[in-house]
Amino acid sequence: MQGFGYTFEGIMESYLKANEACQLLGISLSLLYKMTAAGSIPCLHIGRAVRFIPEDLKLWQTKNMTGGPVELI
């Protein structure tokens, strides 16, 4: 798919898969999925796939740095 000077494939390449998001955040895959299900971390649901935008994760991480454990809502 193409339009507006970019391709759908190019956009999808900039999104992180769950295992890549875990590496970026330094958390386990199971914790990431729990946080995703709780809606406490920014993500995109594309069909059954879950993807993460690196810039959104870095901003979220900065805003949520408290020195304590992550609280699941």
C-alpha atoms as a PDB file:
ATOM      1  CA  MET A   1       0.000   0.000   0.000  1.00  0.00           C
ATOM      2  CA  GLN A   2       1.392   3.373  -0.922  1.00  0.00           C
ATOM      3  CA  GLY A   3       0.300   6.967  -0.466  1.00  0.00           C
ATOM      4  CA  PHE A   4       1.523  10.265   0.867  1.00  0.00           C
ATOM      5  CA  GLY A   5       5.165   9.365   0.192  1.00  0.00           C
ATOM      6  CA  TYR A   6       5.414   6.338   2.464  1.00  0.00           C
ATOM      7  CA  THR A   7       4.651   2.650   2.337  1.00  0.00           C
ATOM      8  CA  PHE A   8       2.669   0.573   4.799  1.00  0.00           C
ATOM      9  CA  GLU A   9       5.588  -1.837   5.057  1.00  0.00           C
ATOM     10  CA  GLY A  10       7.936   1.031   5.933  1.00  0.00           C
ATOM     11  CA  ILE A  11       5.668   2.158   8.743  1.00  0.00           C
ATOM     12  CA  MET A  12       5.326  -1.357  10.140  1.00  0.00           C
ATOM     13  CA  GLU A  13       9.114  -1.733  10.221  1.00  0.00           C
ATOM     14  CA  SER A  14       9.344   1.197  12.646  1.00  0.00           C
ATOM     15  CA  TYR A  15       7.065  -0.562  15.169  1.00  0.00           C
ATOM     16  CA  LEU A  16       8.513  -2.959  17.714  1.00  0.00           C
ATOM     17  CA  LYS A  17       7.322  -6.487  18.317  1.00  0.00           C
ATOM     18  CA  ALA A  18       6.752  -7.557  21.927  1.00  0.00           C
ATOM     19  CA  ASN A  19      10.161  -9.198  22.345  1.00  0.00           C
ATOM     20  CA  GLU A  20      11.878  -6.055  21.033  1.00  0.00           C
ATOM     21  CA  ALA A  21       9.840  -3.842  23.377  1.00  0.00           C
ATOM     22  CA  CYS A  22      10.892  -6.067  26.294  1.00  0.00           C
ATOM     23  CA  GLN A  23      14.536  -5.575  25.428  1.00  0.00           C
ATOM     24  CA  LEU A  24      14.078  -1.810  25.170  1.00  0.00           C
ATOM     25  CA  LEU A  25      12.307  -1.600  28.540  1.00  0.00           C
ATOM     26  CA  GLY A  26      14.289  -4.312  30.329  1.00  0.00           C
ATOM     27  CA  ILE A  27      11.202  -6.272  31.411  1.00  0.00           C
ATOM     28  CA  SER A  28       9.943  -9.799  30.846  1.00  0.00           C
ATOM     29  CA  LEU A  29       7.574 -10.755  28.060  1.00  0.00           C
ATOM     30  CA  SER A  30       4.927 -11.903  30.543  1.00  0.00           C
ATOM     31  CA  LEU A  31       5.012  -8.538  32.350  1.00  0.00           C
ATOM     32  CA  LEU A  32       4.726  -6.686  29.050  1.00  0.00           C
ATOM     33  CA  TYR A  33       1.659  -8.723  28.093  1.00  0.00           C
ATOM     34  CA  LYS A  34       0.074  -8.111  31.513  1.00  0.00           C
ATOM     35  CA  MET A  35       0.668  -4.382  31.174  1.00  0.00           C
ATOM     36  CA  THR A  36      -0.698  -4.427  27.629  1.00  0.00           C
ATOM     37  CA  ALA A  37      -3.856  -6.257  28.724  1.00  0.00           C
ATOM     38  CA  ALA A  38      -4.319  -3.795  31.608  1.00  0.00           C
ATOM     39  CA  GLY A  39      -3.922  -0.837  29.249  1.00  0.00           C
ATOM     40  CA  SER A  40      -1.079   0.585  31.315  1.00  0.00           C
ATOM     41  CA  ILE A  41       1.464   0.786  28.486  1.00  0.00           C
ATOM     42  CA  PRO A  42       1.077   2.426  25.059  1.00  0.00           C
ATOM     43  CA  CYS A  43       0.620  -0.069  22.225  1.00  0.00           C
ATOM     44  CA  LEU A  44      -1.154  -0.645  18.935  1.00  0.00           C
ATOM     45  CA  HIS A  45      -3.427  -3.586  18.273  1.00  0.00           C
ATOM     46  CA  ILE A  46      -3.301  -4.531  14.608  1.00  0.00           C
ATOM     47  CA  GLY A  47      -5.573  -7.517  14.235  1.00  0.00           C
ATOM     48  CA  ARG A  48      -4.198 -10.047  16.704  1.00  0.00           C
ATOM     49  CA  ALA A  49      -0.745  -8.466  16.637  1.00  0.00           C
ATOM     50  CA  VAL A  50       0.445  -6.003  19.263  1.00  0.00           C
ATOM     51  CA  ARG A  51       3.063  -3.460  18.239  1.00  0.00           C
ATOM     52  CA  PHE A  52       4.893  -0.726  20.106  1.00  0.00           C
ATOM     53  CA  ILE A  53       6.229   2.644  18.935  1.00  0.00           C
ATOM     54  CA  PRO A  54       9.740   3.120  20.383  1.00  0.00           C
ATOM     55  CA  GLU A  55       9.287   6.848  21.023  1.00  0.00           C
ATOM     56  CA  ASP A  56       6.028   6.232  22.902  1.00  0.00           C
ATOM     57  CA  LEU A  57       7.686   3.585  25.078  1.00  0.00           C
ATOM     58  CA  LYS A  58      10.616   5.864  25.915  1.00  0.00           C
ATOM     59  CA  LEU A  59       8.241   8.707  26.841  1.00  0.00           C
ATOM     60  CA  TRP A  60       6.089   6.335  28.911  1.00  0.00           C
ATOM     61  CA  GLN A  61       9.175   4.990  30.675  1.00  0.00           C
ATOM     62  CA  THR A  62      10.401   8.493  31.495  1.00  0.00           C
ATOM     63  CA  LYS A  63       7.001   9.562  32.825  1.00  0.00           C
ATOM     64  CA  ASN A  64       6.677   6.420  34.972  1.00  0.00           C
ATOM     65  CA  MET A  65      10.134   6.283  36.528  1.00  0.00           C
ATOM     66  CA  THR A  66       9.597   6.186  40.277  1.00  0.00           C
ATOM     67  CA  GLY A  67      12.282   3.844  41.486  1.00  0.00           C
ATOM     68  CA  GLY A  68       9.654   1.361  42.651  1.00  0.00           C
ATOM     69  CA  PRO A  69       7.860  -1.570  41.047  1.00  0.00           C
ATOM     70  CA  VAL A  70       5.487  -1.047  38.149  1.00  0.00           C
ATOM     71  CA  GLU A  71       1.871  -1.041  39.307  1.00  0.00           C
ATOM     72  CA  LEU A  72      -0.665  -2.881  37.188  1.00  0.00           C
ATOM     73  CA  ILE A  73      -4.054  -1.222  37.111  1.00  0.00           C
END
